[in-house]
């Protein structure tokens, strides 16, 4: 128990611990699966989770949403058995350094305006600026390398 939170918060925290605790204590990357949906719990932050989001988008035809804690993958093509291989692929620096991967990633990034000088840049360099702001390839490889195994520990959700 955490002494400085009230009873309703304590109850909510206990429910989260009951729900996610066994999954997070598993040996591999924690993934919850459900009908046409998977949640990859990384707790890695926005830049790494967005990197994973865009990397998965290159490999899957699915709706993918990232936040600071997880990546949600939705669609009929979501197959929990395929995710470990896709994630293993993204855990290699060579995946991110591949020119074709880089070109597709930069083409798929949102058109954020980060600088007043950005419109003066060639399109490729403007996209690269956004990519450096949103994505973290080295951190992603480091995080994925931190799991003792990449066979994803799955738990069905309702």
N, C-alpha and C. Protein backbone atom coordinates (compact mmCIF):
# COMPACT_ATOMS: atom_id res chain seq x y z
N UNK A 1 0.83 -1.21 0.00
CA UNK A 1 0.00 0.00 0.00
C UNK A 1 0.87 1.26 0.00
N UNK A 2 0.35 2.27 -0.63
CA UNK A 2 1.02 3.57 -0.65
C UNK A 2 0.30 4.46 0.35
N UNK A 3 0.97 4.93 1.39
CA UNK A 3 0.30 5.62 2.49
C UNK A 3 -0.31 6.97 2.14
N UNK A 4 0.15 7.62 1.10
CA UNK A 4 -0.34 8.97 0.81
C UNK A 4 -1.48 9.02 -0.21
N UNK A 5 -2.03 7.87 -0.65
CA UNK A 5 -3.19 7.91 -1.54
C UNK A 5 -4.43 7.45 -0.78
N UNK A 6 -5.56 8.00 -1.21
CA UNK A 6 -6.81 7.70 -0.50
C UNK A 6 -7.34 6.31 -0.87
N UNK A 7 -8.40 5.91 -0.19
CA UNK A 7 -8.95 4.55 -0.35
C UNK A 7 -9.40 4.25 -1.78
N UNK A 8 -10.15 5.16 -2.47
CA UNK A 8 -10.53 4.85 -3.85
C UNK A 8 -9.32 4.67 -4.78
N UNK A 9 -8.31 5.50 -4.59
CA UNK A 9 -7.10 5.35 -5.41
C UNK A 9 -6.39 4.05 -5.09
N UNK A 10 -6.36 3.68 -3.82
CA UNK A 10 -5.74 2.41 -3.40
C UNK A 10 -6.46 1.22 -4.04
N UNK A 11 -7.81 1.30 -4.09
CA UNK A 11 -8.61 0.24 -4.71
C UNK A 11 -8.30 0.15 -6.20
N UNK A 12 -8.22 1.31 -6.86
CA UNK A 12 -7.92 1.34 -8.29
C UNK A 12 -6.51 0.78 -8.55
N UNK A 13 -5.55 1.17 -7.73
CA UNK A 13 -4.19 0.66 -7.88
C UNK A 13 -4.14 -0.85 -7.68
N UNK A 14 -4.88 -1.35 -6.70
CA UNK A 14 -4.91 -2.80 -6.46
C UNK A 14 -5.48 -3.53 -7.67
N UNK A 15 -6.52 -2.96 -8.28
CA UNK A 15 -7.11 -3.58 -9.47
C UNK A 15 -6.11 -3.61 -10.63
N UNK A 16 -5.37 -2.52 -10.82
CA UNK A 16 -4.35 -2.48 -11.87
C UNK A 16 -3.25 -3.50 -11.60
N UNK A 17 -2.84 -3.60 -10.34
CA UNK A 17 -1.81 -4.58 -9.99
C UNK A 17 -2.30 -6.00 -10.24
N UNK A 18 -3.57 -6.28 -9.89
CA UNK A 18 -4.12 -7.61 -10.13
C UNK A 18 -4.19 -7.92 -11.63
N UNK A 19 -4.56 -6.90 -12.43
CA UNK A 19 -4.72 -7.08 -13.85
C UNK A 19 -3.38 -7.21 -14.57
N UNK A 20 -2.46 -6.28 -14.31
CA UNK A 20 -1.21 -6.23 -15.07
C UNK A 20 -0.02 -6.90 -14.38
N UNK A 21 -0.10 -7.07 -13.07
CA UNK A 21 1.05 -7.61 -12.33
C UNK A 21 1.60 -8.90 -12.87
N UNK A 22 0.78 -9.94 -13.01
CA UNK A 22 1.32 -11.22 -13.52
C UNK A 22 1.92 -11.08 -14.93
N UNK A 23 1.30 -10.25 -15.74
CA UNK A 23 1.78 -10.05 -17.11
C UNK A 23 3.14 -9.36 -17.10
N UNK A 24 3.28 -8.31 -16.28
CA UNK A 24 4.52 -7.54 -16.26
C UNK A 24 5.67 -8.28 -15.60
N UNK A 25 5.36 -9.24 -14.76
CA UNK A 25 6.43 -10.02 -14.12
C UNK A 25 6.88 -11.21 -14.98
N UNK A 26 6.27 -11.38 -16.14
CA UNK A 26 6.65 -12.47 -17.03
C UNK A 26 8.03 -12.25 -17.63
N UNK A 27 8.57 -13.26 -18.29
CA UNK A 27 9.94 -13.20 -18.78
C UNK A 27 10.15 -12.37 -20.04
N UNK A 28 9.13 -12.21 -20.85
CA UNK A 28 9.32 -11.55 -22.14
C UNK A 28 8.60 -10.22 -22.21
N UNK A 29 8.48 -9.71 -23.41
CA UNK A 29 7.76 -8.47 -23.64
C UNK A 29 6.29 -8.70 -23.35
N UNK A 30 5.70 -7.95 -22.42
CA UNK A 30 4.31 -8.20 -22.04
C UNK A 30 3.33 -7.74 -23.11
N UNK A 31 2.53 -8.68 -23.57
CA UNK A 31 1.50 -8.39 -24.57
C UNK A 31 0.18 -8.98 -24.10
N UNK A 32 -0.85 -8.14 -24.10
CA UNK A 32 -2.21 -8.62 -23.85
C UNK A 32 -2.89 -8.75 -25.20
N UNK A 33 -3.58 -9.85 -25.41
CA UNK A 33 -4.27 -10.03 -26.68
C UNK A 33 -5.76 -10.19 -26.43
N UNK A 34 -6.52 -9.78 -27.40
CA UNK A 34 -7.96 -9.93 -27.38
C UNK A 34 -8.43 -10.08 -28.81
N UNK A 35 -9.74 -10.09 -29.01
CA UNK A 35 -10.25 -10.21 -30.38
C UNK A 35 -9.79 -9.02 -31.22
N UNK A 36 -9.01 -9.29 -32.25
CA UNK A 36 -8.53 -8.26 -33.18
C UNK A 36 -7.78 -7.13 -32.50
N UNK A 37 -7.07 -7.43 -31.38
CA UNK A 37 -6.39 -6.37 -30.65
C UNK A 37 -5.23 -6.94 -29.85
N UNK A 38 -4.17 -6.15 -29.75
CA UNK A 38 -3.04 -6.51 -28.88
C UNK A 38 -2.53 -5.23 -28.22
N UNK A 39 -2.14 -5.35 -26.95
CA UNK A 39 -1.53 -4.24 -26.22
C UNK A 39 -0.11 -4.65 -25.86
N UNK A 40 0.87 -3.89 -26.31
CA UNK A 40 2.28 -4.14 -25.97
C UNK A 40 2.64 -3.16 -24.87
N UNK A 41 2.86 -3.66 -23.68
CA UNK A 41 3.18 -2.82 -22.52
C UNK A 41 4.69 -2.65 -22.45
N UNK A 42 5.19 -1.44 -22.74
CA UNK A 42 6.62 -1.19 -22.72
C UNK A 42 7.02 -0.24 -21.58
N UNK A 43 6.15 0.70 -21.23
CA UNK A 43 6.46 1.75 -20.27
C UNK A 43 7.75 2.47 -20.66
N UNK A 44 8.00 2.58 -21.97
CA UNK A 44 9.27 3.10 -22.48
C UNK A 44 9.22 4.59 -22.82
N UNK A 45 8.07 5.20 -22.78
CA UNK A 45 7.97 6.62 -23.12
C UNK A 45 7.52 6.83 -24.55
N UNK A 46 7.17 8.08 -24.84
CA UNK A 46 6.58 8.42 -26.12
C UNK A 46 7.48 8.22 -27.33
N UNK A 47 8.74 8.64 -27.24
CA UNK A 47 9.62 8.53 -28.42
C UNK A 47 9.85 7.08 -28.81
N UNK A 48 10.13 6.23 -27.84
CA UNK A 48 10.38 4.82 -28.16
C UNK A 48 9.09 4.15 -28.60
N UNK A 49 7.99 4.43 -27.92
CA UNK A 49 6.73 3.81 -28.33
C UNK A 49 6.27 4.28 -29.70
N UNK A 50 6.53 5.55 -30.05
CA UNK A 50 6.20 6.00 -31.40
C UNK A 50 7.13 5.36 -32.44
N UNK A 51 8.37 5.13 -32.06
CA UNK A 51 9.28 4.43 -32.97
C UNK A 51 8.75 3.03 -33.24
N UNK A 52 8.33 2.35 -32.18
CA UNK A 52 7.74 1.01 -32.34
C UNK A 52 6.47 1.07 -33.18
N UNK A 53 5.66 2.08 -32.94
CA UNK A 53 4.42 2.25 -33.70
C UNK A 53 4.71 2.34 -35.20
N UNK A 54 5.64 3.23 -35.57
CA UNK A 54 5.93 3.40 -36.99
C UNK A 54 6.64 2.18 -37.57
N UNK A 55 7.46 1.51 -36.77
CA UNK A 55 8.09 0.28 -37.24
C UNK A 55 7.08 -0.83 -37.48
N UNK A 56 6.12 -0.96 -36.56
CA UNK A 56 5.07 -1.96 -36.75
C UNK A 56 4.20 -1.61 -37.95
N UNK A 57 3.94 -0.33 -38.16
CA UNK A 57 3.10 0.09 -39.28
C UNK A 57 3.72 -0.31 -40.62
N UNK A 58 5.04 -0.39 -40.66
CA UNK A 58 5.70 -0.84 -41.89
C UNK A 58 5.50 -2.33 -42.14
N UNK A 59 5.20 -3.07 -41.08
CA UNK A 59 5.14 -4.52 -41.17
C UNK A 59 3.72 -5.09 -41.05
N UNK A 60 2.78 -4.29 -40.58
CA UNK A 60 1.41 -4.76 -40.34
C UNK A 60 0.39 -3.83 -40.99
N UNK A 61 -0.69 -4.39 -41.45
CA UNK A 61 -1.82 -3.59 -41.90
C UNK A 61 -2.81 -3.54 -40.74
N UNK A 62 -2.62 -2.54 -39.86
CA UNK A 62 -3.44 -2.44 -38.66
C UNK A 62 -3.46 -0.99 -38.19
N UNK A 63 -4.42 -0.69 -37.33
CA UNK A 63 -4.46 0.61 -36.66
C UNK A 63 -3.55 0.51 -35.44
N UNK A 64 -2.60 1.43 -35.33
CA UNK A 64 -1.62 1.37 -34.25
C UNK A 64 -1.60 2.72 -33.54
N UNK A 65 -1.76 2.68 -32.22
CA UNK A 65 -1.77 3.89 -31.40
C UNK A 65 -0.73 3.72 -30.30
N UNK A 66 0.09 4.75 -30.11
CA UNK A 66 1.13 4.70 -29.08
C UNK A 66 0.92 5.79 -28.06
N UNK A 67 1.27 5.50 -26.80
CA UNK A 67 1.34 6.51 -25.76
C UNK A 67 2.60 6.23 -24.96
N UNK A 68 2.75 6.82 -23.79
CA UNK A 68 3.97 6.65 -23.01
C UNK A 68 4.13 5.26 -22.40
N UNK A 69 3.04 4.50 -22.33
CA UNK A 69 3.05 3.23 -21.61
C UNK A 69 2.96 2.01 -22.51
N UNK A 70 2.26 2.13 -23.62
CA UNK A 70 1.96 0.95 -24.43
C UNK A 70 1.75 1.32 -25.89
N UNK A 71 1.66 0.26 -26.70
CA UNK A 71 1.28 0.38 -28.10
C UNK A 71 0.05 -0.50 -28.28
N UNK A 72 -1.02 0.09 -28.82
CA UNK A 72 -2.24 -0.67 -29.08
C UNK A 72 -2.30 -0.95 -30.57
N UNK A 73 -2.45 -2.23 -30.92
CA UNK A 73 -2.52 -2.66 -32.31
C UNK A 73 -3.90 -3.27 -32.52
N UNK A 74 -4.66 -2.71 -33.47
CA UNK A 74 -6.01 -3.20 -33.73
C UNK A 74 -6.17 -3.51 -35.21
N UNK A 75 -6.89 -4.58 -35.50
CA UNK A 75 -7.20 -4.93 -36.87
C UNK A 75 -7.27 -6.43 -37.03
N UNK A 76 -7.87 -6.85 -38.12
CA UNK A 76 -8.06 -8.28 -38.34
C UNK A 76 -6.73 -9.00 -38.57
N UNK A 77 -5.68 -8.26 -38.97
CA UNK A 77 -4.39 -8.88 -39.21
C UNK A 77 -3.56 -9.08 -37.94
N UNK A 78 -4.07 -8.60 -36.81
CA UNK A 78 -3.31 -8.71 -35.57
C UNK A 78 -3.30 -10.16 -35.11
N UNK A 79 -2.13 -10.73 -35.12
CA UNK A 79 -1.97 -12.11 -34.68
C UNK A 79 -0.85 -12.11 -33.65
N UNK A 80 -1.18 -12.48 -32.42
CA UNK A 80 -0.20 -12.44 -31.33
C UNK A 80 1.04 -13.27 -31.64
N UNK A 81 0.87 -14.36 -32.41
CA UNK A 81 2.00 -15.21 -32.73
C UNK A 81 3.01 -14.50 -33.63
N UNK A 82 2.54 -13.54 -34.44
CA UNK A 82 3.44 -12.83 -35.36
C UNK A 82 4.20 -11.71 -34.68
N UNK A 83 3.67 -11.16 -33.61
CA UNK A 83 4.28 -10.00 -32.98
C UNK A 83 5.71 -10.24 -32.48
N UNK A 84 6.03 -11.39 -31.85
CA UNK A 84 7.42 -11.58 -31.42
C UNK A 84 8.43 -11.46 -32.56
N UNK A 85 8.11 -12.00 -33.71
CA UNK A 85 9.03 -11.91 -34.85
C UNK A 85 9.18 -10.49 -35.35
N UNK A 86 8.08 -9.75 -35.39
CA UNK A 86 8.13 -8.35 -35.83
C UNK A 86 8.93 -7.51 -34.84
N UNK A 87 8.72 -7.76 -33.57
CA UNK A 87 9.43 -7.02 -32.52
C UNK A 87 10.90 -7.39 -32.53
N UNK A 88 11.20 -8.66 -32.71
CA UNK A 88 12.59 -9.10 -32.80
C UNK A 88 13.29 -8.39 -33.96
N UNK A 89 12.60 -8.25 -35.08
CA UNK A 89 13.12 -7.55 -36.24
C UNK A 89 13.47 -6.10 -35.88
N UNK A 90 12.58 -5.44 -35.13
CA UNK A 90 12.81 -4.04 -34.76
C UNK A 90 13.87 -3.90 -33.66
N UNK A 91 14.24 -4.97 -33.03
CA UNK A 91 15.28 -4.94 -32.01
C UNK A 91 16.68 -4.98 -32.59
N UNK A 92 16.77 -4.96 -33.90
CA UNK A 92 18.07 -4.98 -34.59
C UNK A 92 18.33 -3.63 -35.24
N UNK A 93 19.50 -3.08 -34.99
CA UNK A 93 19.87 -1.78 -35.55
C UNK A 93 19.77 -1.80 -37.07
N UNK A 94 20.07 -2.93 -37.70
CA UNK A 94 20.03 -3.03 -39.16
C UNK A 94 18.64 -2.72 -39.72
N UNK A 95 17.58 -3.06 -38.98
CA UNK A 95 16.22 -2.76 -39.43
C UNK A 95 16.05 -1.26 -39.62
N UNK A 96 16.51 -0.48 -38.64
CA UNK A 96 16.32 0.97 -38.67
C UNK A 96 17.28 1.66 -39.63
N UNK A 97 18.43 1.05 -39.88
CA UNK A 97 19.44 1.64 -40.77
C UNK A 97 19.19 1.34 -42.23
N UNK A 98 18.30 0.40 -42.53
CA UNK A 98 18.00 0.05 -43.91
C UNK A 98 17.44 1.27 -44.65
N UNK A 99 18.03 1.65 -45.78
CA UNK A 99 17.57 2.84 -46.51
C UNK A 99 16.08 2.80 -46.89
N UNK A 100 15.60 1.63 -47.27
CA UNK A 100 14.18 1.50 -47.63
C UNK A 100 13.28 1.76 -46.41
N UNK A 101 13.68 1.20 -45.26
CA UNK A 101 12.93 1.43 -44.02
C UNK A 101 12.93 2.91 -43.68
N UNK A 102 14.10 3.55 -43.75
CA UNK A 102 14.19 4.97 -43.42
C UNK A 102 13.33 5.81 -44.35
N UNK A 103 13.36 5.49 -45.62
CA UNK A 103 12.56 6.25 -46.59
C UNK A 103 11.07 6.12 -46.29
N UNK A 104 10.62 4.89 -46.02
CA UNK A 104 9.20 4.67 -45.72
C UNK A 104 8.80 5.33 -44.40
N UNK A 105 9.68 5.26 -43.40
CA UNK A 105 9.39 5.90 -42.12
C UNK A 105 9.24 7.41 -42.28
N UNK A 106 10.19 8.02 -42.95
CA UNK A 106 10.14 9.48 -43.12
C UNK A 106 8.91 9.90 -43.91
N UNK A 107 8.53 9.09 -44.90
CA UNK A 107 7.35 9.41 -45.71
C UNK A 107 6.07 9.31 -44.89
N UNK A 108 6.06 8.46 -43.86
CA UNK A 108 4.85 8.25 -43.07
C UNK A 108 4.71 9.15 -41.86
N UNK A 109 5.70 9.99 -41.59
CA UNK A 109 5.63 10.85 -40.41
C UNK A 109 4.64 11.99 -40.60
N UNK A 110 4.03 12.45 -39.51
CA UNK A 110 3.11 13.58 -39.62
C UNK A 110 3.87 14.85 -40.01
N UNK A 111 3.16 15.81 -40.55
CA UNK A 111 3.76 17.05 -41.02
C UNK A 111 3.78 18.09 -39.90
N UNK A 112 4.57 17.83 -38.86
CA UNK A 112 4.69 18.78 -37.76
C UNK A 112 5.56 19.96 -38.18
N UNK A 113 5.25 21.11 -37.66
CA UNK A 113 6.12 22.26 -37.88
C UNK A 113 6.86 22.52 -36.59
N UNK A 114 8.17 22.27 -36.60
CA UNK A 114 9.00 22.40 -35.41
C UNK A 114 9.86 23.65 -35.43
N UNK A 115 10.02 24.26 -36.60
CA UNK A 115 10.90 25.40 -36.73
C UNK A 115 10.37 26.33 -37.80
N UNK A 116 10.61 27.61 -37.63
CA UNK A 116 10.19 28.57 -38.66
C UNK A 116 11.00 28.38 -39.94
N UNK A 117 12.15 27.71 -39.83
CA UNK A 117 13.00 27.46 -40.99
C UNK A 117 12.65 26.16 -41.71
N UNK A 118 11.80 25.36 -41.11
CA UNK A 118 11.47 24.05 -41.67
C UNK A 118 10.94 24.13 -43.10
N UNK A 119 10.06 25.11 -43.43
CA UNK A 119 9.57 25.17 -44.82
C UNK A 119 10.67 25.43 -45.85
N UNK A 120 11.80 25.97 -45.41
CA UNK A 120 12.90 26.25 -46.33
C UNK A 120 13.75 25.02 -46.61
N UNK A 121 13.58 23.98 -45.81
CA UNK A 121 14.37 22.77 -45.98
C UNK A 121 13.82 21.91 -47.12
N UNK A 122 14.70 21.15 -47.79
CA UNK A 122 14.19 20.14 -48.72
C UNK A 122 13.31 19.17 -47.95
N UNK A 123 12.32 18.61 -48.63
CA UNK A 123 11.32 17.76 -47.97
C UNK A 123 11.95 16.64 -47.14
N UNK A 124 12.97 15.99 -47.66
CA UNK A 124 13.61 14.89 -46.94
C UNK A 124 14.19 15.36 -45.61
N UNK A 125 14.82 16.52 -45.61
CA UNK A 125 15.43 17.02 -44.38
C UNK A 125 14.40 17.53 -43.39
N UNK A 126 13.30 18.07 -43.89
CA UNK A 126 12.21 18.48 -43.01
C UNK A 126 11.61 17.24 -42.33
N UNK A 127 11.43 16.16 -43.09
CA UNK A 127 10.92 14.91 -42.52
C UNK A 127 11.92 14.33 -41.52
N UNK A 128 13.21 14.43 -41.83
CA UNK A 128 14.23 13.93 -40.90
C UNK A 128 14.21 14.70 -39.59
N UNK A 129 13.95 16.02 -39.66
CA UNK A 129 13.85 16.83 -38.45
C UNK A 129 12.70 16.34 -37.57
N UNK A 130 11.56 16.08 -38.19
CA UNK A 130 10.41 15.56 -37.44
C UNK A 130 10.74 14.18 -36.87
N UNK A 131 11.40 13.35 -37.66
CA UNK A 131 11.78 12.02 -37.20
C UNK A 131 12.69 12.06 -35.99
N UNK A 132 13.64 12.96 -35.97
CA UNK A 132 14.55 13.07 -34.82
C UNK A 132 13.82 13.57 -33.58
N UNK A 133 12.76 14.34 -33.80
CA UNK A 133 11.95 14.83 -32.68
C UNK A 133 11.06 13.73 -32.12
N UNK A 134 10.46 12.93 -33.00
CA UNK A 134 9.47 11.92 -32.60
C UNK A 134 10.06 10.55 -32.27
N UNK A 135 11.15 10.16 -32.93
CA UNK A 135 11.60 8.78 -32.89
C UNK A 135 12.96 8.63 -32.21
N UNK A 136 13.22 7.42 -31.70
CA UNK A 136 14.49 7.10 -31.03
C UNK A 136 14.86 5.67 -31.40
N UNK A 137 15.65 5.52 -32.47
CA UNK A 137 16.02 4.20 -32.95
C UNK A 137 16.96 3.49 -31.98
N UNK A 138 17.99 4.19 -31.50
CA UNK A 138 18.96 3.57 -30.59
C UNK A 138 18.29 3.14 -29.29
N UNK A 139 17.45 4.01 -28.74
CA UNK A 139 16.74 3.67 -27.51
C UNK A 139 15.81 2.48 -27.69
N UNK A 140 15.18 2.40 -28.84
CA UNK A 140 14.28 1.28 -29.12
C UNK A 140 15.05 -0.03 -29.16
N UNK A 141 16.19 -0.04 -29.83
CA UNK A 141 17.01 -1.25 -29.90
C UNK A 141 17.48 -1.62 -28.49
N UNK A 142 17.87 -0.62 -27.71
CA UNK A 142 18.34 -0.87 -26.33
C UNK A 142 17.21 -1.44 -25.46
N UNK A 143 16.01 -0.87 -25.55
CA UNK A 143 14.87 -1.34 -24.76
C UNK A 143 14.51 -2.78 -25.15
N UNK A 144 14.42 -3.03 -26.44
CA UNK A 144 14.04 -4.38 -26.88
C UNK A 144 15.12 -5.39 -26.52
N UNK A 145 16.37 -4.98 -26.47
CA UNK A 145 17.45 -5.87 -26.07
C UNK A 145 17.43 -6.17 -24.58
N UNK A 146 16.66 -5.39 -23.80
CA UNK A 146 16.61 -5.58 -22.36
C UNK A 146 15.69 -6.70 -21.90
N UNK A 147 14.93 -7.27 -22.81
CA UNK A 147 14.06 -8.38 -22.44
C UNK A 147 14.86 -9.67 -22.58
N UNK A 148 14.82 -10.53 -21.54
CA UNK A 148 15.61 -11.76 -21.61
C UNK A 148 15.21 -12.67 -22.76
N UNK A 149 14.02 -12.52 -23.21
CA UNK A 149 13.56 -13.30 -24.37
C UNK A 149 12.50 -12.49 -25.09
N UNK A 150 12.36 -12.72 -26.37
CA UNK A 150 11.37 -11.98 -27.13
C UNK A 150 10.17 -12.83 -27.48
N UNK A 151 10.04 -13.97 -26.88
CA UNK A 151 8.79 -14.70 -27.01
C UNK A 151 7.83 -13.98 -26.08
N UNK A 152 6.85 -13.34 -26.65
CA UNK A 152 5.99 -12.46 -25.89
C UNK A 152 5.09 -13.24 -24.92
N UNK A 153 5.05 -12.72 -23.74
CA UNK A 153 4.21 -13.30 -22.67
C UNK A 153 2.80 -12.74 -22.88
N UNK A 154 1.86 -13.57 -23.28
CA UNK A 154 0.55 -13.08 -23.63
C UNK A 154 -0.47 -13.42 -22.55
N UNK A 155 -1.45 -12.57 -22.47
CA UNK A 155 -2.58 -12.79 -21.55
C UNK A 155 -3.82 -12.30 -22.29
N UNK A 156 -4.79 -13.15 -22.41
CA UNK A 156 -6.02 -12.79 -23.11
C UNK A 156 -6.79 -11.74 -22.33
N UNK A 157 -7.37 -10.78 -23.06
CA UNK A 157 -8.24 -9.79 -22.46
C UNK A 157 -9.65 -10.01 -22.97
N UNK A 158 -10.61 -9.50 -22.24
CA UNK A 158 -12.01 -9.69 -22.62
C UNK A 158 -12.52 -8.79 -23.64
